[in-house]
Protein backbone atom coordinates (compact mmCIF):
# COMPACT_ATOMS: atom_id res chain seq x y z
CA MET A 1 0.00 0.00 0.00
CA ARG A 2 1.17 3.52 -0.79
CA LEU A 3 0.46 5.31 2.49
CA LEU A 4 0.49 9.04 3.25
CA PHE A 5 1.08 9.51 7.00
CA ILE A 6 0.36 13.01 8.38
CA ALA A 7 1.58 13.83 11.91
CA SER A 8 1.56 17.05 13.91
CA ARG A 9 4.90 16.25 15.53
CA PHE A 10 8.07 14.61 14.30
CA PRO A 11 7.84 10.91 15.28
CA HIS A 12 10.31 10.10 18.02
CA ALA A 13 10.58 7.27 20.53
CA GLN A 14 11.58 9.59 23.40
CA ARG A 15 8.98 12.35 22.99
CA GLN A 16 5.30 12.99 23.78
CA GLY A 17 2.76 10.18 23.60
CA ASP A 18 1.50 10.90 20.07
CA ALA A 19 5.05 11.24 18.67
CA HIS A 20 6.04 8.02 20.46
CA ARG A 21 2.98 6.21 19.05
CA ALA A 22 3.66 7.47 15.52
CA TYR A 23 7.30 6.38 15.70
CA HIS A 24 6.57 2.81 16.71
CA LEU A 25 3.59 2.32 14.39
CA LEU A 26 5.57 3.68 11.43
CA LYS A 27 8.48 1.41 12.28
CA GLN A 28 6.13 -1.58 12.03
CA LEU A 29 4.21 -0.35 8.97
CA ARG A 30 7.43 0.40 7.10
CA GLN A 31 8.04 -3.35 6.76
CA HIS A 32 4.98 -3.84 4.55
CA HIS A 33 4.05 -0.48 3.00
CA GLU A 34 5.53 2.37 0.99
CA ILE A 35 5.22 5.41 3.24
CA THR A 36 5.40 9.15 2.70
CA LEU A 37 5.55 11.02 6.00
CA ILE A 38 4.56 14.67 6.39
CA ALA A 39 5.33 16.08 9.83
CA SER A 40 6.19 19.40 11.41
CA CYS A 41 9.71 20.02 12.62
CA ASP A 42 11.83 22.88 13.84
CA ALA A 43 13.24 24.91 10.97
CA SER A 44 16.78 24.56 12.38
CA ALA A 45 16.52 20.82 13.06
CA THR A 46 18.67 18.37 11.13
CA VAL A 47 17.07 15.16 9.93
CA ASP A 48 18.67 11.85 10.86
CA VAL A 49 18.49 10.18 7.44
CA ASP A 50 19.21 6.67 8.75
CA LYS A 51 16.49 7.04 11.38
CA MET A 52 13.99 8.27 8.79
CA ARG A 53 14.67 5.20 6.61
CA GLU A 54 13.35 3.10 9.50
CA LEU A 55 10.06 4.99 9.37
CA CYS A 56 9.33 5.99 5.77
CA ASP A 57 10.45 6.03 2.15
CA ARG A 58 10.00 9.77 1.77
CA PHE A 59 9.90 12.50 4.40
CA ILE A 60 8.35 15.92 3.79
CA PRO A 61 9.25 18.23 6.68
CA VAL A 62 7.07 21.25 7.36
CA ALA A 63 8.78 24.05 9.28
CA VAL A 64 6.27 25.23 11.89
CA SER A 65 7.24 27.53 14.74
CA SER A 66 5.35 28.71 17.82
CA ALA A 67 5.07 32.10 16.15
CA ASP A 68 3.41 30.44 13.14
CA GLY A 69 0.89 28.78 15.43
CA VAL A 70 0.00 32.01 17.24
CA LYS A 71 -0.27 33.86 13.93
CA SER A 72 -2.60 31.17 12.62
CA ILE A 73 -4.96 31.61 15.57
CA PHE A 74 -5.34 35.34 14.93
CA GLN A 75 -5.34 35.29 11.12
CA ARG A 76 -7.83 32.53 10.41
CA LYS A 77 -11.40 33.66 10.90
CA VAL A 78 -12.84 30.30 11.96
CA ALA A 79 -14.37 31.03 15.34
CA SER A 80 -15.78 27.52 15.80
CA LEU A 81 -12.50 25.63 15.37
CA PRO A 82 -10.62 24.49 18.49
CA LEU A 83 -7.62 26.69 19.27
CA GLN A 84 -5.22 23.76 19.11
CA VAL A 85 -6.35 22.97 15.57
CA LEU A 86 -5.58 26.53 14.50
CA TYR A 87 -2.25 26.44 16.35
CA PHE A 88 -0.92 23.06 15.22
CA CYS A 89 -2.15 23.11 11.61
CA PRO A 90 -1.28 26.45 9.98
CA ARG A 91 -1.83 26.97 6.26
CA ASN A 92 1.64 25.90 5.16
CA PHE A 93 1.00 22.43 6.58
CA ALA A 94 -2.22 22.00 4.60
CA GLU A 95 -0.41 23.29 1.50
CA ALA A 96 2.32 20.66 1.94
CA VAL A 97 -0.36 17.94 2.02
CA GLU A 98 -2.06 19.36 -1.07
CA ASN A 99 1.26 19.47 -2.98
CA ALA A 100 2.06 15.87 -2.02
CA VAL A 101 -1.33 14.62 -3.24
CA GLN A 102 -1.00 16.51 -6.51
CA THR A 103 2.48 15.16 -7.28
CA ASP A 104 2.14 11.55 -6.11
CA ARG A 105 -0.42 8.75 -5.90
CA PHE A 106 -1.57 7.33 -2.56
CA ASP A 107 -3.87 4.45 -1.69
CA LEU A 108 -4.72 5.81 1.75
CA ALA A 109 -4.03 8.79 4.01
CA HIS A 110 -3.49 8.33 7.76
CA VAL A 111 -4.05 11.56 9.71
CA GLN A 112 -2.86 11.57 13.31
CA LEU A 113 -4.78 13.67 15.86
CA ALA A 114 -7.84 15.85 15.46
CA ARG A 115 -5.44 18.80 15.44
CA MET A 116 -4.54 17.88 11.86
CA GLY A 117 -8.14 17.65 10.72
CA PRO A 118 -7.92 20.57 8.24
CA THR A 119 -5.54 18.52 6.07
CA LEU A 120 -8.46 16.21 5.20
CA ASP A 121 -9.86 18.95 2.96
CA PHE A 122 -6.73 18.81 0.80
CA LEU A 123 -6.59 15.07 0.12
CA GLY A 124 -8.74 15.14 -3.00
CA ARG A 125 -9.99 11.62 -3.78
CA VAL A 126 -7.55 9.83 -1.46
CA PRO A 127 -9.49 7.77 1.13
CA SER A 128 -8.59 8.62 4.70
CA VAL A 129 -8.53 7.40 8.29
CA ILE A 130 -7.84 9.42 11.41
CA ASP A 131 -6.05 8.29 14.55
CA PHE A 132 -7.52 10.43 17.29
CA VAL A 133 -5.09 8.65 19.67
CA ASP A 134 -7.39 9.73 22.47
CA ALA A 135 -10.49 11.91 22.73
CA LEU A 136 -9.04 15.41 23.02
CA SER A 137 -12.47 16.73 24.03
CA LEU A 138 -12.44 14.40 27.05
CA ASN A 139 -8.88 15.54 27.82
CA MET A 140 -9.99 19.20 27.78
CA PHE A 141 -13.09 18.59 29.93
CA ARG A 142 -11.04 16.72 32.52
CA ARG A 143 -8.47 19.49 32.57
CA ALA A 144 -11.24 22.05 33.10
CA GLU A 145 -12.23 20.10 36.23
CA ARG A 146 -8.76 20.59 37.72
CA GLU A 147 -7.96 24.15 36.61
CA VAL A 148 -8.74 27.47 38.27
CA TRP A 149 -10.67 30.39 36.78
CA PRO A 150 -10.34 31.65 34.05
CA LYS A 151 -8.59 28.52 32.73
CA THR A 152 -11.62 26.47 33.77
CA TRP A 153 -13.73 28.48 31.30
CA LEU A 154 -11.07 28.34 28.58
CA PHE A 155 -10.62 24.55 28.65
CA ASP A 156 -14.34 23.91 28.96
CA MET A 157 -14.86 26.04 25.82
CA GLU A 158 -12.05 24.20 24.04
CA GLY A 159 -13.58 20.88 25.06
CA ARG A 160 -16.96 21.82 23.61
CA ARG A 161 -15.39 23.02 20.35
CA MET A 162 -13.28 19.89 20.10
CA ALA A 163 -16.26 17.61 20.77
CA CYS A 164 -18.12 19.17 17.82
CA TYR A 165 -15.03 19.04 15.62
CA GLU A 166 -14.34 15.39 16.42
CA GLN A 167 -17.85 14.50 15.21
CA CYS A 168 -17.20 16.36 11.95
CA LEU A 169 -13.99 14.40 11.45
CA ILE A 170 -15.77 11.10 12.03
CA LYS A 171 -18.10 11.97 9.17
CA LYS A 172 -15.20 12.98 6.90
CA THR A 173 -13.13 9.80 7.31
CA SER A 174 -13.76 6.14 6.49
CA MET A 175 -12.43 4.79 9.79
CA GLN A 176 -11.14 6.21 13.05
CA MET A 177 -8.84 4.94 15.80
CA VAL A 178 -8.33 5.62 19.51
CA ASN A 179 -6.06 3.94 22.05
CA SER A 180 -8.63 2.98 24.69
CA PRO A 181 -12.28 1.94 25.13
CA VAL A 182 -13.08 4.99 27.28
CA ASP A 183 -11.98 7.29 24.47
CA LYS A 184 -14.10 5.35 21.99
CA LYS A 185 -17.12 5.79 24.26
CA ALA A 186 -16.39 9.51 24.68
CA LEU A 187 -16.50 9.95 20.89
CA GLY A 188 -19.89 8.26 20.63
CA ASP A 189 -19.01 4.59 20.25
CA HIS A 190 -19.52 4.71 16.47
CA ALA A 191 -19.11 1.43 14.58
CA THR A 192 -16.30 2.98 12.51
CA ILE A 193 -14.15 3.74 15.56
CA HIS A 194 -11.60 1.05 16.40
CA VAL A 195 -9.42 0.64 19.48
CA VAL A 196 -5.76 0.36 18.47
CA PRO A 197 -3.99 0.35 21.84
CA ASN A 198 -0.62 1.79 22.68
CA GLY A 199 2.13 -0.73 23.03
CA VAL A 200 5.66 -1.47 24.14
CA ALA A 201 8.69 -2.40 22.04
CA ILE A 202 8.91 -5.52 24.17
CA GLU A 203 12.34 -6.52 22.85
CA ASP A 204 13.76 -3.33 24.40
CA TYR A 205 12.19 -3.91 27.84
CA ARG A 206 14.03 -6.56 29.81
CA PHE A 207 11.89 -8.04 32.58
CA ARG A 208 13.45 -7.92 36.00
CA GLY A 209 12.20 -9.83 38.98
CA THR A 210 11.07 -7.93 42.06
CA ARG A 211 12.95 -7.74 45.37
CA ARG A 212 14.67 -4.44 44.60
CA GLY A 213 15.87 -4.06 48.17
CA ASN A 214 14.60 -0.49 48.41
CA GLN A 215 11.43 1.46 49.15
CA ASP A 216 11.57 3.65 46.05
CA ILE A 217 8.40 4.83 44.31
CA ILE A 218 8.61 6.27 40.80
CA PHE A 219 6.32 8.55 38.81
CA SER A 220 7.55 9.17 35.27
CA GLY A 221 6.56 11.22 32.23
CA ASN A 222 6.94 14.62 30.62
CA MET A 223 6.72 16.98 33.58
CA ASP A 224 5.42 19.99 31.68
CA TYR A 225 2.28 18.12 30.55
CA PHE A 226 -0.66 19.23 32.68
CA PRO A 227 -2.06 15.77 33.60
CA ASN A 228 1.42 14.72 34.76
CA VAL A 229 1.94 17.92 36.75
CA ASP A 230 -1.46 17.52 38.39
CA ALA A 231 -0.71 13.88 39.21
CA ALA A 232 2.70 14.77 40.67
CA VAL A 233 1.14 17.44 42.87
CA PHE A 234 -1.52 15.02 44.09
CA PHE A 235 0.95 12.26 44.95
CA ALA A 236 3.71 14.41 46.44
CA GLU A 237 1.41 16.52 48.60
CA GLU A 238 -1.37 14.12 49.56
CA VAL A 239 -0.18 10.53 49.14
CA PHE A 240 3.56 10.40 49.78
CA PRO A 241 3.37 11.91 53.31
CA LEU A 242 1.01 9.05 54.29
CA VAL A 243 3.44 6.48 52.90
CA ARG A 244 6.36 8.06 54.79
CA VAL A 245 4.53 7.56 58.09
CA GLN A 246 4.87 3.80 57.57
CA PHE A 247 8.11 3.86 55.57
CA PRO A 248 10.25 6.82 56.70
CA ARG A 249 13.10 5.74 54.40
CA SER A 250 10.95 5.59 51.25
CA ARG A 251 11.78 7.85 48.33
CA LEU A 252 9.60 9.34 45.61
CA LEU A 253 11.36 9.76 42.28
CA ILE A 254 9.66 12.20 39.90
CA ALA A 255 11.43 11.35 36.66
CA GLY A 256 10.98 13.11 33.34
CA ALA A 257 11.93 16.06 31.20
CA ASN A 258 10.97 19.71 31.65
CA PRO A 259 9.68 19.78 35.24
CA THR A 260 7.66 22.92 35.89
CA GLY A 261 8.62 25.26 38.72
CA ARG A 262 6.05 23.70 41.03
CA VAL A 263 7.26 20.17 40.30
CA SER A 264 10.90 21.22 40.81
CA GLU A 265 10.01 22.60 44.25
CA PHE A 266 9.02 19.10 45.40
CA GLY A 267 12.73 18.34 45.50
CA ASN A 268 12.78 20.28 48.78
CA ILE A 269 10.44 17.75 50.41
CA PRO A 270 12.30 15.08 52.43
CA GLY A 271 12.47 11.88 50.42
CA VAL A 272 11.44 13.42 47.07
CA VAL A 273 13.91 13.45 44.16
CA VAL A 274 13.10 15.38 40.97
CA THR A 275 15.44 14.00 38.33
CA GLY A 276 14.55 16.11 35.29
CA ALA A 277 15.47 14.56 31.95
CA VAL A 278 17.38 11.28 32.18
CA PRO A 279 19.18 9.37 29.41
CA ASP A 280 16.99 6.28 29.81
CA LEU A 281 13.85 6.19 31.96
CA ARG A 282 13.75 2.41 31.79
CA SER A 283 16.59 1.90 34.25
CA HIS A 284 14.97 4.27 36.77
CA ILE A 285 11.59 2.53 36.47
CA GLN A 286 13.22 -0.89 36.72
CA ASP A 287 15.16 0.03 39.87
CA ALA A 288 12.08 1.23 41.78
CA SER A 289 9.93 -1.05 43.90
CA VAL A 290 6.63 0.58 42.86
CA ALA A 291 5.55 2.63 39.85
CA VAL A 292 2.57 4.95 40.25
CA SER A 293 0.21 6.66 37.83
CA PRO A 294 -2.04 8.87 39.98
CA THR A 295 -3.70 10.44 36.92
CA ARG A 296 -6.77 12.59 37.51
CA ALA A 297 -6.80 14.53 34.20
CA GLY A 298 -5.83 13.52 30.67
CA SER A 299 -7.27 10.72 28.55
CA GLY A 300 -6.24 7.45 26.93
CA MET A 301 -4.24 4.62 28.50
CA GLN A 302 -0.95 5.84 29.91
CA LEU A 303 2.19 4.52 28.24
CA LYS A 304 4.06 4.72 31.54
CA ILE A 305 1.88 1.93 32.92
CA LEU A 306 2.63 -0.46 30.06
CA GLU A 307 6.34 0.33 30.27
CA ALA A 308 6.49 -0.35 34.01
CA MET A 309 4.58 -3.60 33.55
CA ALA A 310 6.96 -4.70 30.81
CA LEU A 311 9.96 -4.01 33.03
CA GLY A 312 8.54 -5.91 36.00
CA THR A 313 7.83 -2.98 38.31
CA PRO A 314 4.42 -3.39 40.01
CA VAL A 315 1.97 -0.55 39.40
CA VAL A 316 -0.60 1.42 41.39
CA ALA A 317 -2.82 3.60 39.21
CA THR A 318 -6.12 5.42 39.06
CA SER A 319 -8.85 4.03 36.81
CA ARG A 320 -8.52 7.16 34.65
CA ALA A 321 -4.95 6.22 33.81
CA LEU A 322 -6.15 2.91 32.31
CA GLY A 323 -8.68 4.22 29.78
CA GLY A 324 -10.96 1.23 30.29
CA ALA A 325 -8.35 -1.25 29.00
CA ALA A 326 -8.76 -4.91 29.91
CA VAL A 327 -6.46 -4.69 32.90
CA GLU A 328 -7.57 -6.42 36.10
CA ASN A 329 -7.28 -4.96 39.58
CA GLU A 330 -5.37 -7.26 41.96
CA LYS A 331 -4.14 -9.36 39.01
CA HIS A 332 -2.10 -7.01 36.81
CA LEU A 333 -1.90 -3.96 39.07
CA LEU A 334 -3.61 -2.21 41.99
CA ILE A 335 -6.22 0.51 41.40
CA ALA A 336 -6.73 3.43 43.78
CA GLU A 337 -8.54 6.75 43.53
CA THR A 338 -8.25 8.75 46.78
CA ALA A 339 -5.07 9.69 48.64
CA GLU A 340 -5.94 7.23 51.41
CA GLU A 341 -6.54 4.37 48.94
CA PHE A 342 -3.37 5.19 47.04
CA SER A 343 -1.18 5.25 50.12
CA ARG A 344 -2.72 2.00 51.37
CA GLN A 345 -2.04 0.19 48.10
CA VAL A 346 1.53 1.49 47.84
CA ILE A 347 2.18 0.44 51.44
CA ARG A 348 0.76 -3.02 50.68
CA LEU A 349 3.27 -3.45 47.87
CA LEU A 350 6.21 -2.18 49.88
CA ARG A 351 5.38 -4.67 52.63
CA ASP A 352 4.53 -7.69 50.49
CA GLU A 353 7.23 -8.98 48.12
CA ALA A 354 5.05 -11.95 47.14
CA LEU A 355 2.34 -9.53 45.96
CA GLN A 356 4.95 -7.57 44.03
CA GLU A 357 6.14 -10.72 42.30
CA ARG A 358 2.64 -11.96 41.45
CA LEU A 359 1.50 -8.65 39.95
CA ALA A 360 4.74 -8.15 38.02
CA GLY A 361 4.60 -11.61 36.44
CA SER A 362 0.94 -11.36 35.41
CA ALA A 363 1.42 -7.84 34.04
CA ARG A 364 4.42 -8.80 31.89
CA GLU A 365 2.52 -11.77 30.47
CA MET A 366 -0.42 -9.51 29.57
CA VAL A 367 1.81 -6.91 27.87
CA GLU A 368 3.57 -9.58 25.82
CA LYS A 369 0.20 -10.91 24.64
CA ASP A 370 -1.89 -7.77 24.07
CA PHE A 371 0.21 -4.60 24.22
CA THR A 372 3.14 -4.79 21.83
CA TRP A 373 3.58 -2.36 18.94
CA LYS A 374 3.66 -5.34 16.58
CA GLU A 375 0.18 -6.35 17.72
CA SER A 376 -1.07 -2.74 17.55
CA ALA A 377 0.22 -2.39 13.98
CA LYS A 378 -1.62 -5.58 12.98
CA ARG A 379 -4.85 -4.08 14.30
CA LEU A 380 -4.13 -0.84 12.46
CA GLU A 381 -3.60 -2.68 9.18
CA MET A 382 -6.98 -4.37 9.64
CA VAL A 383 -8.52 -0.90 9.96
CA TYR A 384 -6.75 0.13 6.75
CA GLU A 385 -8.23 -2.88 4.94
CA GLN A 386 -11.74 -1.98 6.09
CA ALA A 387 -11.22 1.64 5.02
CA MET A 388 -10.19 0.50 1.53
CA ILE A 389 -13.26 -1.72 1.22
CA THR A 390 -15.68 1.02 2.33
CA ARG A 391 -14.06 3.86 0.31
């Protein structure tokens, strides 16, 4: 298949969730399809040619700066469009898509994220699918719940605009994808929406048995992303002090790039270590006795959970962090919602090495079976086949 893949961010294994997802799916798809990739990148960035050959046959970079995004918001008179659509998809991006379609032939176009929805109008007769990844409207509504005025109003408005826009995109495309059942339900549970879950490059995640010999707890992710910041605040301020009552020597490692000022300040709390960017998060996750995902905002299933499970580090998470995935409480991980529940479950794990070992083994087995990028790519290719039949 000659595939046109349109992404709002340059695919990269070490970046945000959508860029990480695009990287690994492209790496799998590249084995069976001829791929042209159009993605935004910094104008000064140099392209790693060898790395791009892993992902596509042809790469069309679109130089998009923050200034371009802001200019797009003020110049385009489309009051009903979500702000992030205007910001992430300025005119030069749509023009790059139009030029590609006019100069080459494609069997199918894969558009990643609702933010790139305007490019659908420039595909001509090329059939299309859209990978929402997660329901951005749900993400915005959940953020509005946790923000303060006037941001509460702003994100509620953005959520309502995005909800309307997502429905328009469903009508414009043959098939749609999300990474979790909760996101599918949030979009209306249409028959054309398919769950293509996130995965793990399992060959790069060596399973380690439990019995770390420490009381370390790790929370990982990009620390300038609001749902991660909110989760870090919740755990550091409300949960970790309760754990320290029972385990005074326990440590909380907040690991990930770009910690905000508030997250950085947690380094002043006894027992809390804010690492910032690290060369390889896997070793930090693998060395900890417990991995936590105390997510209260955001949407989709969190990659950090799958990665910890693959590495053999037992997990405590909120139900929101799971996205409705077929993950069983007390079998693959422990689920908690309140600060008291979270501290109790973390303490259980720190006290019970047999429980750690049982959860870690079951979780790794589940990831190997259901949550590898190879398996996700197979599901995606099935969606492609259906899109071609219904074109």
